[in-house]
Protein backbone atom coordinates (compact mmCIF):
# COMPACT_ATOMS: atom_id res chain seq x y z
CA MET A 1 82.49 55.34 91.61
CA ASP A 2 80.91 54.26 88.38
CA THR A 3 79.33 51.22 90.00
CA VAL A 4 78.01 53.23 92.96
CA TYR A 5 76.66 55.87 90.60
CA LYS A 6 74.90 53.28 88.45
CA ARG A 7 73.32 51.68 91.49
CA HIS A 8 72.11 55.07 92.68
CA VAL A 9 70.51 55.83 89.31
CA LEU A 10 68.85 52.42 89.14
CA PHE A 11 67.49 52.88 92.66
CA ILE A 12 65.93 56.25 91.77
CA LEU A 13 64.42 54.85 88.57
CA GLY A 14 62.99 51.91 90.51
CA VAL A 15 61.35 54.22 93.04
CA PHE A 16 59.92 56.34 90.22
CA ILE A 17 58.46 53.34 88.37
CA ILE A 18 56.92 51.87 91.52
CA SER A 19 55.41 55.25 92.43
CA ALA A 20 53.93 55.60 88.94
CA LEU A 21 52.42 52.13 89.12
CA VAL A 22 50.89 52.88 92.51
CA VAL A 23 49.34 56.12 91.26
CA THR A 24 48.02 54.46 88.11
CA GLY A 25 46.59 51.57 90.08
CA THR A 26 44.89 53.94 92.49
CA GLN A 27 43.31 55.89 89.62
CA CYS A 28 42.10 52.71 87.92
CA ALA A 29 40.64 51.47 91.19
CA LYS A 30 38.56 54.65 91.42
CA LYS A 31 36.98 54.12 87.98
CA ASN A 32 33.67 52.36 87.73
CA PRO A 33 33.93 49.80 84.91
CA GLU A 34 30.27 50.40 84.05
CA GLN A 35 30.98 54.08 83.44
CA GLU A 36 33.60 53.17 80.86
CA LYS A 37 31.48 50.55 79.13
CA THR A 38 29.77 51.60 75.88
CA TYR A 39 27.19 49.35 74.29
CA PHE A 40 27.99 48.74 70.63
CA PRO A 41 25.29 46.79 68.80
CA ARG A 42 26.18 44.04 66.40
CA LEU A 43 25.22 44.30 62.75
CA GLY A 44 21.69 43.01 62.33
CA ASN A 45 20.45 44.35 65.67
CA PHE A 46 16.81 45.33 65.07
CA THR A 47 16.76 48.20 67.56
CA ASP A 48 19.95 49.65 66.13
CA LEU A 49 18.76 49.27 62.53
CA TYR A 50 15.45 50.95 63.34
CA LEU A 51 16.96 53.93 65.16
CA ARG A 52 19.67 54.43 62.53
CA GLY A 53 17.10 54.11 59.74
CA SER A 54 14.85 56.66 61.44
CA TYR A 55 17.78 59.07 61.82
CA ASP A 56 18.67 58.63 58.16
CA ILE A 57 15.11 59.49 57.10
CA LEU A 58 15.27 62.69 59.16
CA HIS A 59 18.57 63.48 57.45
CA ILE A 60 17.01 62.98 54.01
CA VAL A 61 14.11 65.27 54.90
CA LYS A 62 16.52 67.92 56.14
CA VAL A 63 18.59 67.78 52.97
CA ARG A 64 15.77 67.51 50.44
CA GLU A 65 12.67 69.13 51.92
CA LEU A 66 13.52 72.10 54.16
CA LYS A 67 13.99 74.59 51.34
CA LYS A 68 10.58 73.60 49.95
CA ILE A 69 9.07 74.07 53.40
CA GLY A 70 10.57 77.54 53.59
CA GLU A 71 9.12 78.57 50.23
CA ALA A 72 5.67 77.13 51.01
CA CYS A 73 5.55 78.78 54.43
CA LYS A 74 6.50 82.09 52.83
CA ILE A 75 3.35 81.89 50.71
CA ALA A 76 1.23 80.71 53.63
CA THR A 77 2.43 83.68 55.68
CA GLN A 78 1.69 86.15 52.90
CA ARG A 79 -1.82 84.78 52.51
CA LYS A 80 -2.51 84.71 56.25
CA LEU A 81 -1.29 88.29 56.72
CA ALA A 82 -3.57 89.31 53.85
CA GLY A 83 -6.58 87.77 55.62
CA GLY A 84 -6.57 84.26 54.16
CA LYS A 85 -7.15 80.97 55.96
CA ILE A 86 -4.62 78.24 56.78
CA PHE A 87 -6.11 74.77 57.28
CA SER A 88 -4.52 71.39 57.98
CA GLY A 89 -6.38 68.30 56.78
CA ILE A 90 -3.81 65.51 56.90
CA GLY A 91 -5.84 63.06 58.98
CA THR A 92 -3.66 60.00 58.33
CA PRO A 93 -1.93 57.65 59.23
CA HIS A 94 -2.98 56.18 62.60
CA ILE A 95 -0.87 58.47 64.73
CA MET A 96 -2.33 61.55 63.03
CA TYR A 97 -5.98 60.65 63.35
CA GLY A 98 -5.19 59.58 66.91
CA GLY A 99 -4.54 63.25 67.67
CA ALA A 100 -0.75 63.62 67.51
CA CYS A 101 -1.09 67.13 66.04
CA ALA A 102 -4.51 68.07 67.38
CA GLU A 103 -5.52 71.29 69.10
CA ASP A 104 -4.99 69.89 72.60
CA VAL A 105 -1.35 68.82 72.09
CA PRO A 106 0.92 70.74 74.49
CA GLY A 107 3.08 73.05 72.40
CA ASN A 108 0.89 73.18 69.30
CA PRO A 109 0.77 76.84 68.21
CA ASN A 110 -2.69 76.06 66.80
CA ILE A 111 -2.17 77.98 63.62
CA ALA A 112 -3.77 75.03 61.85
CA PRO A 113 -4.35 72.07 64.20
CA ASP A 114 -4.92 68.71 62.51
CA ARG A 115 -8.20 67.31 63.80
CA LYS A 116 -8.30 63.91 65.47
CA GLY A 117 -10.60 61.13 64.27
CA ARG A 118 -10.40 58.52 61.52
CA ASN A 119 -10.63 59.97 58.01
CA ARG A 120 -10.50 63.53 59.35
CA GLY A 121 -8.60 64.86 56.36
CA TYR A 122 -9.96 67.87 54.52
CA GLN A 123 -13.64 67.21 53.82
CA GLY A 124 -14.49 70.40 51.96
CA THR A 125 -15.12 72.61 54.98
CA PRO A 126 -14.21 75.32 55.49
CA GLU A 127 -14.48 76.19 51.82
CA LEU A 128 -11.05 77.19 50.57
CA GLY A 129 -10.04 79.13 47.50
CA LYS A 130 -7.95 82.03 46.29
CA GLY A 131 -5.89 83.52 49.11
CA ASP A 132 -6.08 80.41 51.32
CA PHE A 133 -3.58 77.69 52.21
CA LEU A 134 -4.30 73.97 52.72
CA ILE A 135 -2.10 71.16 54.05
CA ALA A 136 -3.19 67.70 52.89
CA SER A 137 -1.93 64.16 52.37
CA ASN A 138 -4.40 62.21 50.27
CA PRO A 139 -5.71 63.01 46.79
CA THR A 140 -9.45 63.70 47.13
CA LYS A 141 -12.13 65.58 45.25
CA PHE A 142 -12.18 68.17 48.05
CA VAL A 143 -8.46 68.86 47.81
CA GLU A 144 -8.71 69.00 44.03
CA LYS A 145 -11.59 71.48 44.18
CA ALA A 146 -9.79 73.76 46.63
CA HIS A 147 -6.71 73.74 44.41
CA ASN A 148 -8.75 74.49 41.30
CA ASN A 149 -10.34 77.41 43.16
CA GLY A 150 -6.93 79.01 43.71
CA CYS A 151 -6.05 77.64 47.14
CA TYR A 152 -2.35 76.94 47.59
CA VAL A 153 -2.04 73.27 48.59
CA LEU A 154 0.96 71.88 50.43
CA GLY A 155 1.09 68.09 50.43
CA ILE A 156 2.77 66.14 53.24
CA GLY A 157 3.54 62.52 52.50
CA PHE A 158 3.11 59.40 54.56
CA PRO A 159 4.38 55.90 53.87
CA MET A 160 2.53 54.25 50.97
CA THR A 161 0.68 57.40 50.03
CA THR A 162 -0.43 57.85 46.45
CA ASN A 163 2.47 59.84 45.11
CA ARG A 164 4.89 59.53 42.24
CA TYR A 165 7.33 57.42 44.27
CA SER A 166 4.70 54.77 45.06
CA PRO A 167 4.79 51.70 42.80
CA PRO A 168 1.41 51.25 41.06
CA ASN A 169 0.44 48.24 43.17
CA PHE A 170 1.30 49.99 46.43
CA ASN A 171 -1.32 52.72 46.53
CA ASP A 172 -5.06 53.15 46.71
CA HIS A 173 -5.46 55.36 43.63
CA PRO A 174 -2.75 54.46 41.10
CA ASP A 175 -4.17 56.86 38.52
CA TYR A 176 -4.96 59.74 40.90
CA PHE A 177 -1.84 61.39 42.28
CA ILE A 178 -1.58 63.98 45.03
CA GLU A 179 1.07 65.85 43.02
CA GLU A 180 -1.59 66.74 40.45
CA MET A 181 -3.50 68.84 42.99
CA VAL A 182 -0.77 70.44 45.09
CA ASP A 183 1.62 73.31 44.55
CA THR A 184 4.38 71.77 46.68
CA PHE A 185 4.75 68.27 48.07
CA ILE A 186 6.88 67.40 51.11
CA TYR A 187 8.02 63.80 50.92
CA THR A 188 8.66 62.08 54.24
CA TRP A 189 10.77 59.33 52.67
CA GLY A 190 9.47 56.27 54.45
CA PRO A 191 9.89 52.97 52.56
CA LYS A 192 6.98 51.73 50.47
CA GLU A 193 6.29 48.94 52.99
CA ASP A 194 6.34 51.53 55.83
CA GLY A 195 8.51 49.41 58.17
CA LEU A 196 12.30 49.33 58.29
CA ILE A 197 13.02 45.75 59.41
CA THR A 198 12.36 42.36 57.79
CA PRO A 199 11.68 39.84 60.58
CA ALA A 200 13.83 36.76 60.08
CA LEU A 201 11.17 34.19 60.98
CA THR A 202 8.38 35.82 58.96
CA PRO A 203 9.82 36.14 55.43
CA VAL A 204 6.55 37.29 53.86
CA LEU A 205 6.88 39.43 50.75
CA HIS A 206 6.34 43.14 51.52
CA LEU A 207 6.14 42.58 55.29
CA LYS A 208 8.40 44.96 57.19
CA ILE A 209 8.08 45.92 60.83
CA LEU A 210 8.90 48.97 63.00
CA PRO A 211 7.07 51.64 61.01
CA THR A 212 8.10 55.12 59.90
CA SER A 213 4.56 56.52 60.05
CA PRO A 214 5.50 59.09 62.75
CA MET A 215 7.40 60.98 60.01
CA THR A 216 4.10 62.55 58.98
CA VAL A 217 3.99 64.08 62.46
CA ALA A 218 7.52 65.42 61.96
CA GLY A 219 6.48 66.91 58.63
CA TYR A 220 3.57 68.73 60.28
CA TRP A 221 5.75 70.14 63.08
CA LEU A 222 8.37 71.34 60.61
CA VAL A 223 5.73 73.36 58.79
CA MET A 224 4.18 74.68 62.01
CA ALA A 225 7.60 75.69 63.36
CA GLN A 226 8.31 77.81 60.31
CA LEU A 227 4.79 79.27 60.15
CA ALA A 228 4.90 80.27 63.82
CA HIS A 229 8.21 82.05 63.25
CA ASN A 230 7.04 83.75 60.07
CA LEU A 231 3.79 85.02 61.55
CA ALA A 232 5.42 86.21 64.77
CA TYR A 233 8.04 88.23 62.88
CA GLU A 234 5.99 88.87 59.72
CA ASP A 235 8.88 87.21 57.93
CA THR A 236 8.20 86.53 54.24
CA SER A 237 11.80 85.97 53.21
CA GLY A 238 11.39 82.24 52.54
CA THR A 239 13.68 81.23 55.40
CA TYR A 240 13.46 77.73 56.86
CA SER A 241 15.54 78.52 59.96
CA ALA A 242 12.85 77.55 62.50
CA ALA A 243 12.12 74.27 60.73
CA GLU A 244 15.84 73.55 60.64
CA LYS A 245 16.22 74.26 64.34
CA TYR A 246 13.41 71.83 65.10
CA ILE A 247 14.75 68.98 62.98
CA ASP A 248 18.29 69.53 64.29
CA THR A 249 16.96 69.24 67.84
CA LEU A 250 15.01 66.10 67.02
CA MET A 251 17.99 64.47 65.31
CA SER A 252 20.28 65.35 68.20
CA ARG A 253 17.89 63.82 70.70
CA LEU A 254 17.46 60.67 68.64
CA ASP A 255 21.24 60.35 68.35
CA GLU A 256 21.70 60.68 72.11
CA PHE A 257 18.86 58.25 72.81
CA HIS A 258 20.47 55.64 70.53
CA TYR A 259 23.84 56.04 72.25
CA ARG A 260 22.54 55.93 75.82
CA PHE A 261 19.76 53.37 75.70
CA SER A 262 20.38 50.78 72.98
CA GLY A 263 21.94 48.34 75.44
CA ILE A 264 19.24 48.81 78.07
CA ILE A 265 16.58 48.23 75.42
CA GLN A 266 18.20 44.91 74.46
CA GLU A 267 17.96 43.72 78.05
CA ALA A 268 14.34 44.86 78.24
CA GLY A 269 13.51 42.91 75.07
CA GLU A 270 14.84 39.70 76.64
CA ILE A 271 12.67 40.22 79.73
CA MET A 272 9.60 40.94 77.62
CA ALA A 273 10.08 37.81 75.51
CA ASP A 274 10.34 35.59 78.59
CA ARG A 275 7.22 37.13 80.09
CA VAL A 276 5.15 36.82 76.90
CA LEU A 277 6.16 33.18 76.50
CA SER A 278 5.12 32.53 80.10
CA GLY A 279 1.65 33.96 79.42
CA GLY A 280 2.11 37.70 79.89
CA ARG A 281 0.68 40.39 77.63
CA ILE A 282 2.06 43.70 76.36
CA HIS A 283 0.05 46.80 77.28
CA PRO A 284 1.17 50.14 75.74
CA TRP A 285 -0.29 53.14 77.53
CA SER A 286 -0.03 56.92 77.62
CA GLY A 287 -2.14 59.76 78.89
CA ARG A 288 -2.61 60.72 75.25
CA GLU A 289 -4.59 58.52 72.89
CA GLU A 290 -2.32 58.70 69.84
CA PHE A 291 0.32 56.53 71.53
CA TRP A 292 -2.11 53.64 71.90
CA ILE A 293 -3.59 54.11 68.43
CA GLU A 294 -0.13 54.09 66.84
CA SER A 295 0.92 50.97 68.77
CA ASN A 296 -2.27 49.03 68.01
CA GLY A 297 -3.08 48.25 64.38
CA THR A 298 -0.36 50.23 62.62
CA ALA A 299 1.17 48.47 59.62
CA GLY A 300 4.46 46.94 60.73
CA GLY A 301 3.35 46.74 64.33
CA LEU A 302 2.49 43.86 66.64
CA MET A 303 -0.91 42.22 66.72
CA GLY A 304 -0.11 41.16 70.27
CA VAL A 305 -0.70 44.40 72.17
CA TYR A 306 -3.61 44.96 74.52
CA ALA A 307 -5.40 47.97 75.97
CA LEU A 308 -4.36 48.62 79.55
CA LYS A 309 -6.96 47.76 82.16
CA PRO A 310 -5.04 48.06 85.42
CA ASP A 311 -7.45 46.04 87.51
CA SER A 312 -7.02 43.04 85.17
CA LEU A 313 -3.21 43.00 85.17
CA THR A 314 -1.23 40.00 86.36
CA SER A 315 2.34 39.76 87.60
CA LYS A 316 3.34 38.26 84.22
CA ASP A 317 2.16 41.28 82.21
CA ILE A 318 4.20 44.06 80.62
CA VAL A 319 3.26 47.74 80.61
CA LEU A 320 5.00 50.21 78.28
CA LEU A 321 4.09 53.61 79.71
CA ALA A 322 4.87 56.85 77.88
CA ALA A 323 4.49 60.32 79.38
CA ALA A 324 2.99 62.86 76.99
CA ASN A 325 1.13 65.37 79.16
CA ALA A 326 2.35 68.78 80.24
CA THR A 327 2.76 67.40 83.78
CA PRO A 328 3.41 63.79 84.86
CA GLU A 329 0.68 63.33 87.48
CA GLU A 330 -1.61 61.14 85.36
CA GLU A 331 1.25 58.87 84.28
CA THR A 332 2.58 58.60 87.85
CA GLU A 333 -0.84 57.64 89.17
CA MET A 334 -1.23 54.97 86.48
CA ALA A 335 2.25 53.67 87.29
CA ARG A 336 1.24 53.25 90.93
CA ARG A 337 -1.79 51.19 89.89
CA VAL A 338 0.41 49.03 87.65
CA ARG A 339 2.95 48.56 90.44
CA ASP A 340 0.21 47.46 92.83
CA LYS A 341 -0.58 44.59 90.45
CA GLY A 342 3.05 43.49 90.20
CA ALA A 343 3.32 43.83 86.42
CA TRP A 344 6.71 44.61 84.86
CA MET A 345 6.83 48.21 83.66
CA LEU A 346 9.01 50.18 81.25
CA GLY A 347 8.61 53.95 81.38
CA ILE A 348 9.34 56.48 78.64
CA PHE A 349 9.54 60.02 79.98
CA PRO A 350 11.96 62.94 80.45
CA PHE A 351 14.42 62.37 83.27
CA GLU A 352 14.86 66.14 83.63
CA ARG A 353 12.26 68.82 82.98
CA GLU A 354 12.92 72.43 82.12
CA ASP A 355 10.37 73.58 84.72
CA GLY A 356 12.20 71.70 87.48
CA LEU A 357 9.30 69.35 88.17
CA SER A 358 10.72 66.00 89.27
CA THR A 359 9.94 62.76 87.43
CA GLU A 360 11.87 60.75 90.02
CA PRO A 361 8.65 59.38 91.59
CA LEU A 362 7.71 57.92 88.20
CA LYS A 363 11.20 56.53 87.67
CA LYS A 364 11.11 54.74 91.04
CA LEU A 365 7.89 52.98 90.04
CA CYS A 366 9.31 51.62 86.76
CA ASP A 367 11.49 48.53 86.36
CA VAL A 368 13.22 50.13 83.38
CA SER A 369 13.18 53.80 82.40
CA LEU A 370 14.07 55.43 79.08
CA ASP A 371 14.66 59.17 78.81
CA ASN A 372 12.68 60.66 75.90
CA LEU A 373 14.91 63.74 76.22
CA SER A 374 11.83 65.95 75.83
CA GLY A 375 11.63 67.78 79.11
CA ASP A 376 10.68 71.05 77.44
CA VAL A 377 7.11 70.93 78.85
CA TYR A 378 5.60 72.41 75.67
CA GLY A 379 8.20 72.56 72.91
CA VAL A 380 11.67 73.48 71.71
CA LEU A 381 11.20 76.87 70.02
CA ASP A 382 10.95 80.17 71.87
CA ILE A 383 8.80 82.38 69.64
CA PRO A 384 7.13 85.68 70.60
CA GLY A 385 3.40 85.64 71.22
CA TYR A 386 3.17 82.30 73.05
CA PRO A 387 3.13 81.74 76.84
CA GLY A 388 5.89 79.12 76.56
CA LYS A 389 8.03 77.29 74.06
CA ILE A 390 6.21 75.56 71.21
CA ILE A 391 6.65 72.65 68.75
CA PRO A 392 7.26 69.48 70.82
CA THR A 393 9.47 66.46 70.21
CA THR A 394 7.58 64.34 72.75
CA THR A 395 5.40 62.37 70.34
CA MET A 396 8.29 61.60 68.02
CA MET A 397 10.69 60.55 70.77
CA ASN A 398 8.08 58.42 72.53
CA ASN A 399 7.43 56.58 69.29
CA TYR A 400 11.10 56.11 68.49
CA ALA A 401 11.55 54.62 71.97
CA PHE A 402 8.48 52.39 71.68
CA TRP A 403 9.38 50.89 68.30
CA ALA A 404 12.99 50.43 69.39
CA VAL A 405 11.72 48.38 72.36
CA VAL A 406 9.44 46.38 70.05
CA GLY A 407 12.45 45.64 67.85
CA ALA A 408 14.40 44.24 70.81
CA TYR A 409 11.42 42.15 71.88
CA VAL A 410 10.95 40.71 68.37
CA GLN A 411 14.62 39.80 68.10
CA ALA A 412 14.55 38.16 71.54
CA MET A 413 11.49 36.16 70.50
CA GLU A 414 13.17 35.04 67.28
CA LYS A 415 16.23 33.97 69.27
CA ARG A 416 13.86 31.66 71.16
CA GLY A 417 12.44 30.31 67.89
CA GLU A 418 9.16 32.23 68.16
CA ALA A 419 7.70 34.68 65.63
CA PRO A 420 5.14 37.22 66.86
CA TYR A 421 2.27 38.02 64.49
CA TYR A 422 2.33 41.43 62.79
CA TRP A 423 -0.03 43.75 60.97
CA MET A 424 0.76 44.09 57.29
CA SER A 425 -0.29 47.22 55.47
CA TYR A 426 -3.52 47.16 53.50
CA HIS A 427 -1.77 49.39 50.98
CA VAL A 428 0.71 46.74 49.80
CA PRO A 429 -0.08 43.79 47.54
CA GLY A 430 -1.62 40.98 49.56
CA GLY A 431 -1.65 42.96 52.80
CA ARG A 432 -5.33 42.70 53.65
CA GLU A 433 -5.43 39.01 52.73
CA TYR A 434 -2.40 38.30 54.89
CA ASP A 435 -3.89 40.04 57.93
CA GLU A 436 -7.19 38.22 57.54
CA SER A 437 -5.41 34.86 57.32
CA ILE A 438 -3.13 35.52 60.30
CA ARG A 439 -5.62 37.14 62.65
CA PRO A 440 -7.33 33.86 63.74
CA LEU A 441 -3.91 32.36 64.52
CA PHE A 442 -3.02 35.36 66.64
CA LEU A 443 -6.33 35.22 68.53
CA GLU A 444 -5.68 31.57 69.34
CA ARG A 445 -2.08 32.06 70.49
CA GLY A 446 -2.25 35.58 71.94
CA TYR A 447 0.97 37.01 70.54
């Protein structure tokens, strides 16, 4: 009986084990290996370093600057409610004078739009004094006069600005500091060289690529977010809740972008390098001008980018297209023209929009698509008094995506033993001289 019993037990156990293996095998067969695969970048990956560095700078601003923004916006609100003026005269760097925070940006509450145009910082008009509020970046005689006349001045930093964290040889006015003519200064914590990455094949002192200049844009939107809230609710408590909500949203989107697209960006960089080395050119384009201005001539950026002229494209060329309008029609039409020429195209746009408008037609036209996670149409904050949400992340996310792609391209080029030519900041020692010496070499080679 014992032997029969043991055999019976073993038989049942065998059936159970086989059944479990069959079930497990069936479940595994249903899984798509690609769905389980997570891209994990190696240490030293330029795209990864850039996106992580950008996230860290946002974190620093959140920790160190939000309370100051709350206090400054409290005063701005008090002065505005009492009949005073609020004026923004930042005007720099490239992305700002390109119009990133101008009146026509979808989602700008236009409490104090920052005018587009080179050197459009505060030029003395309107005349500001007691009871007014000015936002500025550079130390100038106009800012100094307004401050002396009783205007509250809020400074917003940009990389290499003349502030107390800039080494003497890294600024334009080493004896003339913005802190001396402001009541509060918001540091944006970019490195003194602006860029985050040292290219391995171009070990030039003070040359770093993949710039942090868009942080000035983030600084502006943080202030506008809090001002819009304060004025809508007549809130003079000194809260920074709206600014915090904006930066939390931006950081969350950057985090998700890094997780979802780092691997795809690496593959795109390889394709771009092969095309450039076979004679292709890189053409950044957006329906808004600031994207092109930021990509072309910014310290830490590539010399080898070209304005998009669709009729002149070849099948070897590369187009980096970023959507920045309230609706995608202009970008979709440009994508069709690019596709007709056979150029390779990477698109940066929201995969899903809050208004339900489909971007699938644009996605089908692109060889590679990156989600800028900014499908809000106008912005991320719902504040009374505006027809839709305000304070966008579009400009920031488009730029994070663009520079991440540039990082992958540069690393792919270096892997092939080639070093693209870069712009070095005029604000750092030897920057202008370096650019002037390199420019003829770039013009001869093309990248």
